[in-house]
Amino acid sequence: MSQVLDGSNHSLQNSFEGQDEFSYKPVPPTAVVGLVLGLLSFIALFGIIGLGVAVFGIVVSLISMFNIRRAGGELGGKMVARAGLMLSTFFLVTGVSYQSFVYAHEVPEGYQRINFATDISSKEFVQKDGVTSVNPDVLKMDKQKVFVKGYMYPTRQTEDLQSFILVKDNGQCCFGGQPDVKDMILVEMQGKNRADFYSGLVSVAGEFVAEAPTQAGELRPVYQLKGTHFEQARTSYR
């Protein structure tokens, strides 16, 4: 009888040891967060915010893997953390490559890229003999074919626009009231080219015209663009 009991106890002990061997190990929250960020990193294909998500996902996943390794087997979730790391890294590399390719090929042939903020609106007017004139750096672009990105100032008409005002940032078009004259470009679409209003970043190409500054209070912008190309911006890089 005692031998039977000893055998039963031995079997029961082995059973408990087997349960310990396959017992649940807690998964650190950072592993799950890293995986979610890895899945969300696909937006790195569409803009700079997505690249930031991918980088954050890599950091979180690495921290999770470090904590799991330091726990000495007390924590699970190694595969979850590794999957998050791989996804974030893949979309980061793919996103940078894709956006770099698009950025390099979005300017129409024969046009030069300019930055609205640094190449135009940051250039102050100059005074000479009591006469206000356009900054010489901007005047160099007069009659040049340029490619520039900005935001459309909203008007009542939203479709089939022959002309519209382009401003340097969406704060001006949506919340900033009337922009400064240096922060506006009057776009006149040429021929049969037309534009539909879009609240996001847009790309415009055409012949740049720099006029003499207008009198204070006038709505007419100093700068104009004879537009030949218009589209929603393919990348958020200026």
C-alpha atoms as a PDB file:
ATOM      1  CA  MET A   1       0.000   0.000   0.000  1.00  0.00           C
ATOM      2  CA  SER A   2       2.802   2.388   0.917  1.00  0.00           C
ATOM      3  CA  GLN A   3       4.543   1.603  -2.362  1.00  0.00           C
ATOM      4  CA  VAL A   4       1.385   2.512  -4.240  1.00  0.00           C
ATOM      5  CA  LEU A   5       1.122   5.806  -2.311  1.00  0.00           C
ATOM      6  CA  ASP A   6       4.790   6.569  -2.929  1.00  0.00           C
ATOM      7  CA  GLY A   7       4.276   5.929  -6.633  1.00  0.00           C
ATOM      8  CA  SER A   8       1.240   8.182  -6.689  1.00  0.00           C
ATOM      9  CA  ASN A   9       3.093  10.965  -4.867  1.00  0.00           C
ATOM     10  CA  HIS A  10       6.020  10.642  -7.273  1.00  0.00           C
ATOM     11  CA  SER A  11       3.700  10.873 -10.279  1.00  0.00           C
ATOM     12  CA  LEU A  12       1.909  13.857  -8.753  1.00  0.00           C
ATOM     13  CA  GLN A  13       5.228  15.575  -8.089  1.00  0.00           C
ATOM     14  CA  ASN A  14       6.320  15.039 -11.703  1.00  0.00           C
ATOM     15  CA  SER A  15       3.005  16.426 -12.840  1.00  0.00           C
ATOM     16  CA  PHE A  16       3.499  19.627 -10.825  1.00  0.00           C
ATOM     17  CA  GLU A  17       7.053  19.956 -12.099  1.00  0.00           C
ATOM     18  CA  GLY A  18       5.744  19.680 -15.659  1.00  0.00           C
ATOM     19  CA  GLN A  19       3.203  22.389 -14.951  1.00  0.00           C
ATOM     20  CA  ASP A  20       5.975  24.657 -13.625  1.00  0.00           C
ATOM     21  CA  GLU A  21       7.965  24.012 -16.754  1.00  0.00           C
ATOM     22  CA  PHE A  22       5.127  25.194 -19.003  1.00  0.00           C
ATOM     23  CA  SER A  23       3.637  27.756 -16.620  1.00  0.00           C
ATOM     24  CA  TYR A  24       2.561  31.200 -17.854  1.00  0.00           C
ATOM     25  CA  LYS A  25       5.190  33.926 -17.895  1.00  0.00           C
ATOM     26  CA  PRO A  26       4.029  37.549 -17.777  1.00  0.00           C
ATOM     27  CA  VAL A  27       4.608  39.567 -20.940  1.00  0.00           C
ATOM     28  CA  PRO A  28       5.896  43.121 -20.341  1.00  0.00           C
ATOM     29  CA  PRO A  29       3.558  45.836 -21.642  1.00  0.00           C
ATOM     30  CA  THR A  30       6.414  47.329 -23.659  1.00  0.00           C
ATOM     31  CA  ALA A  31       6.487  44.209 -25.830  1.00  0.00           C
ATOM     32  CA  VAL A  32       2.830  44.642 -26.760  1.00  0.00           C
ATOM     33  CA  VAL A  33       3.269  48.382 -27.306  1.00  0.00           C
ATOM     34  CA  GLY A  34       6.279  47.697 -29.526  1.00  0.00           C
ATOM     35  CA  LEU A  35       4.250  45.272 -31.627  1.00  0.00           C
ATOM     36  CA  VAL A  36       1.389  47.766 -32.019  1.00  0.00           C
ATOM     37  CA  LEU A  37       3.850  50.483 -33.048  1.00  0.00           C
ATOM     38  CA  GLY A  38       5.404  48.057 -35.506  1.00  0.00           C
ATOM     39  CA  LEU A  39       2.020  47.470 -37.113  1.00  0.00           C
ATOM     40  CA  LEU A  40       1.318  51.209 -37.225  1.00  0.00           C
ATOM     41  CA  SER A  41       4.716  51.905 -38.773  1.00  0.00           C
ATOM     42  CA  PHE A  42       3.315  51.209 -42.237  1.00  0.00           C
ATOM     43  CA  ILE A  43       2.374  54.912 -42.311  1.00  0.00           C
ATOM     44  CA  ALA A  44       6.105  55.587 -42.686  1.00  0.00           C
ATOM     45  CA  LEU A  45       5.395  55.092 -46.390  1.00  0.00           C
ATOM     46  CA  PHE A  46       3.296  58.267 -46.418  1.00  0.00           C
ATOM     47  CA  GLY A  47       5.016  60.902 -44.307  1.00  0.00           C
ATOM     48  CA  ILE A  48       7.560  61.998 -41.750  1.00  0.00           C
ATOM     49  CA  ILE A  49       5.186  61.277 -38.838  1.00  0.00           C
ATOM     50  CA  GLY A  50       5.183  57.618 -39.826  1.00  0.00           C
ATOM     51  CA  LEU A  51       8.985  57.560 -39.729  1.00  0.00           C
ATOM     52  CA  GLY A  52       8.805  58.869 -36.174  1.00  0.00           C
ATOM     53  CA  VAL A  53       6.368  56.102 -35.237  1.00  0.00           C
ATOM     54  CA  ALA A  54       8.745  53.496 -36.687  1.00  0.00           C
ATOM     55  CA  VAL A  55      11.731  54.889 -34.774  1.00  0.00           C
ATOM     56  CA  PHE A  56       9.711  54.942 -31.546  1.00  0.00           C
ATOM     57  CA  GLY A  57       8.622  51.355 -32.189  1.00  0.00           C
ATOM     58  CA  ILE A  58      12.239  50.263 -32.580  1.00  0.00           C
ATOM     59  CA  VAL A  59      13.222  51.933 -29.301  1.00  0.00           C
ATOM     60  CA  VAL A  60      10.301  50.439 -27.357  1.00  0.00           C
ATOM     61  CA  SER A  61      10.913  46.956 -28.762  1.00  0.00           C
ATOM     62  CA  LEU A  62      14.628  47.103 -27.922  1.00  0.00           C
ATOM     63  CA  ILE A  63      13.833  48.178 -24.373  1.00  0.00           C
ATOM     64  CA  SER A  64      11.366  45.304 -24.081  1.00  0.00           C
ATOM     65  CA  MET A  65      13.912  42.744 -25.346  1.00  0.00           C
ATOM     66  CA  PHE A  66      16.506  44.078 -22.907  1.00  0.00           C
ATOM     67  CA  ASN A  67      14.102  43.799 -19.959  1.00  0.00           C
ATOM     68  CA  ILE A  68      13.078  40.262 -20.945  1.00  0.00           C
ATOM     69  CA  ARG A  69      16.692  39.146 -21.178  1.00  0.00           C
ATOM     70  CA  ARG A  70      17.595  40.781 -17.869  1.00  0.00           C
ATOM     71  CA  ALA A  71      14.666  39.031 -16.141  1.00  0.00           C
ATOM     72  CA  GLY A  72      16.462  35.682 -16.541  1.00  0.00           C
ATOM     73  CA  GLY A  73      13.487  33.705 -17.801  1.00  0.00           C
ATOM     74  CA  GLU A  74      10.886  35.251 -15.511  1.00  0.00           C
ATOM     75  CA  LEU A  75       9.299  37.215 -18.350  1.00  0.00           C
ATOM     76  CA  GLY A  76       7.825  36.011 -21.627  1.00  0.00           C
ATOM     77  CA  GLY A  77       7.030  37.865 -24.838  1.00  0.00           C
ATOM     78  CA  LYS A  78      10.392  37.554 -26.562  1.00  0.00           C
ATOM     79  CA  MET A  79       8.744  36.708 -29.896  1.00  0.00           C
ATOM     80  CA  VAL A  80       6.291  39.585 -29.519  1.00  0.00           C
ATOM     81  CA  ALA A  81       9.094  42.082 -28.910  1.00  0.00           C
ATOM     82  CA  ARG A  82      11.128  40.654 -31.776  1.00  0.00           C
ATOM     83  CA  ALA A  83       8.167  40.904 -34.148  1.00  0.00           C
ATOM     84  CA  GLY A  84       7.622  44.548 -33.192  1.00  0.00           C
ATOM     85  CA  LEU A  85      11.297  45.304 -33.778  1.00  0.00           C
ATOM     86  CA  MET A  86      11.305  43.631 -37.186  1.00  0.00           C
ATOM     87  CA  LEU A  87       8.128  45.389 -38.337  1.00  0.00           C
ATOM     88  CA  SER A  88       9.287  48.836 -37.227  1.00  0.00           C
ATOM     89  CA  THR A  89      12.709  48.358 -38.803  1.00  0.00           C
ATOM     90  CA  PHE A  90      11.224  47.098 -42.074  1.00  0.00           C
ATOM     91  CA  PHE A  91       8.785  49.996 -42.436  1.00  0.00           C
ATOM     92  CA  LEU A  92      11.426  52.542 -41.405  1.00  0.00           C
ATOM     93  CA  VAL A  93      13.852  51.400 -44.091  1.00  0.00           C
ATOM     94  CA  THR A  94      11.097  51.003 -46.677  1.00  0.00           C
ATOM     95  CA  GLY A  95       9.537  54.350 -45.815  1.00  0.00           C
ATOM     96  CA  VAL A  96      12.813  56.259 -46.052  1.00  0.00           C
ATOM     97  CA  SER A  97      13.644  54.600 -49.370  1.00  0.00           C
ATOM     98  CA  TYR A  98      10.208  55.194 -50.874  1.00  0.00           C
ATOM     99  CA  GLN A  99       9.886  58.804 -49.741  1.00  0.00           C
ATOM    100  CA  SER A 100      13.421  59.593 -50.910  1.00  0.00           C
ATOM    101  CA  PHE A 101      12.578  58.196 -54.334  1.00  0.00           C
ATOM    102  CA  VAL A 102       9.337  60.190 -54.563  1.00  0.00           C
ATOM    103  CA  TYR A 103      11.046  63.381 -53.338  1.00  0.00           C
ATOM    104  CA  ALA A 104      13.740  63.029 -55.996  1.00  0.00           C
ATOM    105  CA  HIS A 105      11.197  62.578 -58.797  1.00  0.00           C
ATOM    106  CA  GLU A 106       8.297  64.879 -57.835  1.00  0.00           C
ATOM    107  CA  VAL A 107       9.701  68.029 -59.465  1.00  0.00           C
ATOM    108  CA  PRO A 108       8.656  68.345 -63.140  1.00  0.00           C
ATOM    109  CA  GLU A 109      11.514  68.366 -65.606  1.00  0.00           C
ATOM    110  CA  GLY A 110      12.875  71.851 -66.234  1.00  0.00           C
ATOM    111  CA  TYR A 111      11.742  73.269 -62.871  1.00  0.00           C
ATOM    112  CA  GLN A 112      13.787  74.029 -59.761  1.00  0.00           C
ATOM    113  CA  ARG A 113      12.613  73.303 -56.224  1.00  0.00           C
ATOM    114  CA  ILE A 114      12.332  76.258 -53.869  1.00  0.00           C
ATOM    115  CA  ASN A 115      11.299  76.397 -50.229  1.00  0.00           C
ATOM    116  CA  PHE A 116       8.459  78.812 -49.532  1.00  0.00           C
ATOM    117  CA  ALA A 117       9.556  79.637 -45.992  1.00  0.00           C
ATOM    118  CA  THR A 118      13.316  79.967 -46.417  1.00  0.00           C
ATOM    119  CA  ASP A 119      13.614  81.118 -50.040  1.00  0.00           C
ATOM    120  CA  ILE A 120      10.687  83.546 -50.167  1.00  0.00           C
ATOM    121  CA  SER A 121       8.826  84.610 -47.014  1.00  0.00           C
ATOM    122  CA  SER A 122      11.943  84.944 -44.834  1.00  0.00           C
ATOM    123  CA  LYS A 123      13.474  87.442 -47.273  1.00  0.00           C
ATOM    124  CA  GLU A 124      12.645  90.946 -46.092  1.00  0.00           C
ATOM    125  CA  PHE A 125      11.922  93.788 -48.491  1.00  0.00           C
ATOM    126  CA  VAL A 126      14.748  96.269 -48.968  1.00  0.00           C
ATOM    127  CA  GLN A 127      14.629 100.038 -48.772  1.00  0.00           C
ATOM    128  CA  LYS A 128      16.691 102.233 -51.078  1.00  0.00           C
ATOM    129  CA  ASP A 129      16.205 105.964 -51.544  1.00  0.00           C
ATOM    130  CA  GLY A 130      12.809 105.690 -49.904  1.00  0.00           C
ATOM    131  CA  VAL A 131      11.656 103.026 -52.343  1.00  0.00           C
ATOM    132  CA  THR A 132      10.633  99.547 -51.154  1.00  0.00           C
ATOM    133  CA  SER A 133      11.669  96.713 -53.424  1.00  0.00           C
ATOM    134  CA  VAL A 134      11.833  92.930 -53.463  1.00  0.00           C
ATOM    135  CA  ASN A 135      14.779  91.260 -51.777  1.00  0.00           C
ATOM    136  CA  PRO A 136      17.575  90.628 -54.327  1.00  0.00           C
ATOM    137  CA  ASP A 137      17.629  86.901 -53.430  1.00  0.00           C
ATOM    138  CA  VAL A 138      13.977  86.598 -54.404  1.00  0.00           C
ATOM    139  CA  LEU A 139      14.393  88.826 -57.441  1.00  0.00           C
ATOM    140  CA  LYS A 140      16.900  86.324 -58.850  1.00  0.00           C
ATOM    141  CA  MET A 141      14.011  83.845 -59.217  1.00  0.00           C
ATOM    142  CA  ASP A 142      11.892  86.253 -61.255  1.00  0.00           C
ATOM    143  CA  LYS A 143      10.738  84.653 -64.528  1.00  0.00           C
ATOM    144  CA  GLN A 144      12.237  81.306 -63.433  1.00  0.00           C
ATOM    145  CA  LYS A 145      10.387  77.987 -63.565  1.00  0.00           C
ATOM    146  CA  VAL A 146       9.975  76.874 -59.954  1.00  0.00           C
ATOM    147  CA  PHE A 147       8.350  74.099 -57.922  1.00  0.00           C
ATOM    148  CA  VAL A 148       7.009  75.057 -54.496  1.00  0.00           C
ATOM    149  CA  LYS A 149       4.809  73.570 -51.776  1.00  0.00           C
ATOM    150  CA  GLY A 150       2.304  75.332 -49.562  1.00  0.00           C
ATOM    151  CA  TYR A 151      -1.328  75.510 -48.487  1.00  0.00           C
ATOM    152  CA  MET A 152      -4.324  76.902 -50.339  1.00  0.00           C
ATOM    153  CA  TYR A 153      -6.030  79.870 -48.731  1.00  0.00           C
ATOM    154  CA  PRO A 154      -9.720  78.903 -48.536  1.00  0.00           C
ATOM    155  CA  THR A 155     -12.303  80.670 -50.682  1.00  0.00           C
ATOM    156  CA  ARG A 156     -15.989  80.142 -51.378  1.00  0.00           C
ATOM    157  CA  GLN A 157     -15.209  78.285 -54.581  1.00  0.00           C
ATOM    158  CA  THR A 158     -13.650  74.876 -54.067  1.00  0.00           C
ATOM    159  CA  GLU A 159     -13.575  73.323 -57.537  1.00  0.00           C
ATOM    160  CA  ASP A 160     -12.197  74.226 -60.953  1.00  0.00           C
ATOM    161  CA  LEU A 161     -10.142  77.132 -59.606  1.00  0.00           C
ATOM    162  CA  GLN A 162      -8.307  79.208 -62.166  1.00  0.00           C
ATOM    163  CA  SER A 163      -6.558  81.196 -59.444  1.00  0.00           C
ATOM    164  CA  PHE A 164      -5.931  80.889 -55.712  1.00  0.00           C
ATOM    165  CA  ILE A 165      -3.592  82.147 -53.023  1.00  0.00           C
ATOM    166  CA  LEU A 166      -0.849  79.858 -51.787  1.00  0.00           C
ATOM    167  CA  VAL A 167       0.436  80.461 -48.239  1.00  0.00           C
ATOM    168  CA  LYS A 168       3.479  78.984 -46.537  1.00  0.00           C
ATOM    169  CA  ASP A 169       1.754  77.061 -43.718  1.00  0.00           C
ATOM    170  CA  ASN A 170      -1.664  75.791 -42.694  1.00  0.00           C
ATOM    171  CA  GLY A 171      -1.718  77.986 -39.580  1.00  0.00           C
ATOM    172  CA  GLN A 172      -1.980  81.019 -41.820  1.00  0.00           C
ATOM    173  CA  CYS A 173      -4.687  79.616 -44.065  1.00  0.00           C
ATOM    174  CA  CYS A 174      -6.845  78.267 -41.241  1.00  0.00           C
ATOM    175  CA  PHE A 175      -6.177  80.222 -38.045  1.00  0.00           C
ATOM    176  CA  GLY A 176      -3.882  83.139 -38.737  1.00  0.00           C
ATOM    177  CA  GLY A 177      -6.195  85.598 -40.465  1.00  0.00           C
ATOM    178  CA  GLN A 178      -4.791  87.522 -43.403  1.00  0.00           C
ATOM    179  CA  PRO A 179      -1.177  86.458 -44.070  1.00  0.00           C
ATOM    180  CA  ASP A 180       1.662  88.907 -44.592  1.00  0.00           C
ATOM    181  CA  VAL A 181       2.225  89.883 -48.226  1.00  0.00           C
ATOM    182  CA  LYS A 182       5.570  88.006 -48.233  1.00  0.00           C
ATOM    183  CA  ASP A 183       3.790  84.834 -47.119  1.00  0.00           C
ATOM    184  CA  MET A 184       1.444  84.693 -50.112  1.00  0.00           C
ATOM    185  CA  ILE A 185       1.790  83.701 -53.749  1.00  0.00           C
ATOM    186  CA  LEU A 186      -1.016  84.391 -56.182  1.00  0.00           C
ATOM    187  CA  VAL A 187      -1.254  81.310 -58.395  1.00  0.00           C
ATOM    188  CA  GLU A 188      -2.801  81.827 -61.840  1.00  0.00           C
ATOM    189  CA  MET A 189      -3.315  78.494 -63.581  1.00  0.00           C
ATOM    190  CA  GLN A 190      -2.424  78.707 -67.253  1.00  0.00           C
ATOM    191  CA  GLY A 191      -4.422  77.456 -70.234  1.00  0.00           C
ATOM    192  CA  LYS A 192      -6.938  74.784 -69.356  1.00  0.00           C
ATOM    193  CA  ASN A 193      -5.144  73.853 -66.120  1.00  0.00           C
ATOM    194  CA  ARG A 194      -7.342  74.131 -63.046  1.00  0.00           C
ATOM    195  CA  ALA A 195      -7.075  73.280 -59.346  1.00  0.00           C
ATOM    196  CA  ASP A 196      -9.528  71.923 -56.772  1.00  0.00           C
ATOM    197  CA  PHE A 197      -9.267  73.112 -53.189  1.00  0.00           C
ATOM    198  CA  TYR A 198      -7.369  70.796 -50.847  1.00  0.00           C
ATOM    199  CA  SER A 199      -6.796  71.546 -47.159  1.00  0.00           C
ATOM    200  CA  GLY A 200      -3.495  69.673 -46.984  1.00  0.00           C
ATOM    201  CA  LEU A 201      -0.089  70.390 -48.471  1.00  0.00           C
ATOM    202  CA  VAL A 202      -0.102  70.990 -52.241  1.00  0.00           C
ATOM    203  CA  SER A 203       2.598  71.236 -54.902  1.00  0.00           C
ATOM    204  CA  VAL A 204       2.562  73.904 -57.584  1.00  0.00           C
ATOM    205  CA  ALA A 205       4.939  74.505 -60.474  1.00  0.00           C
ATOM    206  CA  GLY A 206       5.109  77.407 -62.879  1.00  0.00           C
ATOM    207  CA  GLU A 207       6.834  80.651 -63.781  1.00  0.00           C
ATOM    208  CA  PHE A 208       7.602  82.767 -60.726  1.00  0.00           C
ATOM    209  CA  VAL A 209       6.965  86.517 -60.896  1.00  0.00           C
ATOM    210  CA  ALA A 210       8.290  88.947 -58.278  1.00  0.00           C
ATOM    211  CA  GLU A 211       6.600  92.342 -58.379  1.00  0.00           C
ATOM    212  CA  ALA A 212       7.258  95.520 -56.448  1.00  0.00           C
ATOM    213  CA  PRO A 213       5.628  95.446 -52.974  1.00  0.00           C
ATOM    214  CA  THR A 214       2.058  96.744 -52.919  1.00  0.00           C
ATOM    215  CA  GLN A 215       0.693  99.392 -50.577  1.00  0.00           C
ATOM    216  CA  ALA A 216      -0.217  98.362 -47.048  1.00  0.00           C
ATOM    217  CA  GLY A 217      -3.717  96.983 -46.716  1.00  0.00           C
ATOM    218  CA  GLU A 218      -3.987  95.707 -50.261  1.00  0.00           C
ATOM    219  CA  LEU A 219      -4.897  92.055 -50.684  1.00  0.00           C
ATOM    220  CA  ARG A 220      -2.822  91.471 -53.791  1.00  0.00           C
ATOM    221  CA  PRO A 221       0.255  89.363 -52.965  1.00  0.00           C
ATOM    222  CA  VAL A 222       3.704  90.547 -53.972  1.00  0.00           C
ATOM    223  CA  TYR A 223       4.588  87.279 -55.657  1.00  0.00           C
ATOM    224  CA  GLN A 224       2.798  85.432 -58.415  1.00  0.00           C
ATOM    225  CA  LEU A 225       3.092  82.060 -60.073  1.00  0.00           C
ATOM    226  CA  LYS A 226       1.886  81.254 -63.554  1.00  0.00           C
ATOM    227  CA  GLY A 227       0.858  77.709 -62.702  1.00  0.00           C
ATOM    228  CA  THR A 228       1.391  74.854 -65.126  1.00  0.00           C
ATOM    229  CA  HIS A 229       1.302  71.942 -62.645  1.00  0.00           C
ATOM    230  CA  PHE A 230      -0.841  71.366 -59.550  1.00  0.00           C
ATOM    231  CA  GLU A 231      -1.372  68.341 -57.301  1.00  0.00           C
ATOM    232  CA  GLN A 232      -1.624  67.215 -53.706  1.00  0.00           C
ATOM    233  CA  ALA A 233       1.919  67.006 -52.357  1.00  0.00           C
ATOM    234  CA  ARG A 234       3.388  63.544 -52.704  1.00  0.00           C
ATOM    235  CA  THR A 235       5.676  64.013 -49.697  1.00  0.00           C
ATOM    236  CA  SER A 236       5.639  66.346 -46.705  1.00  0.00           C
ATOM    237  CA  TYR A 237       9.236  67.400 -47.345  1.00  0.00           C
ATOM    238  CA  ARG A 238       9.514  70.899 -48.767  1.00  0.00           C
END
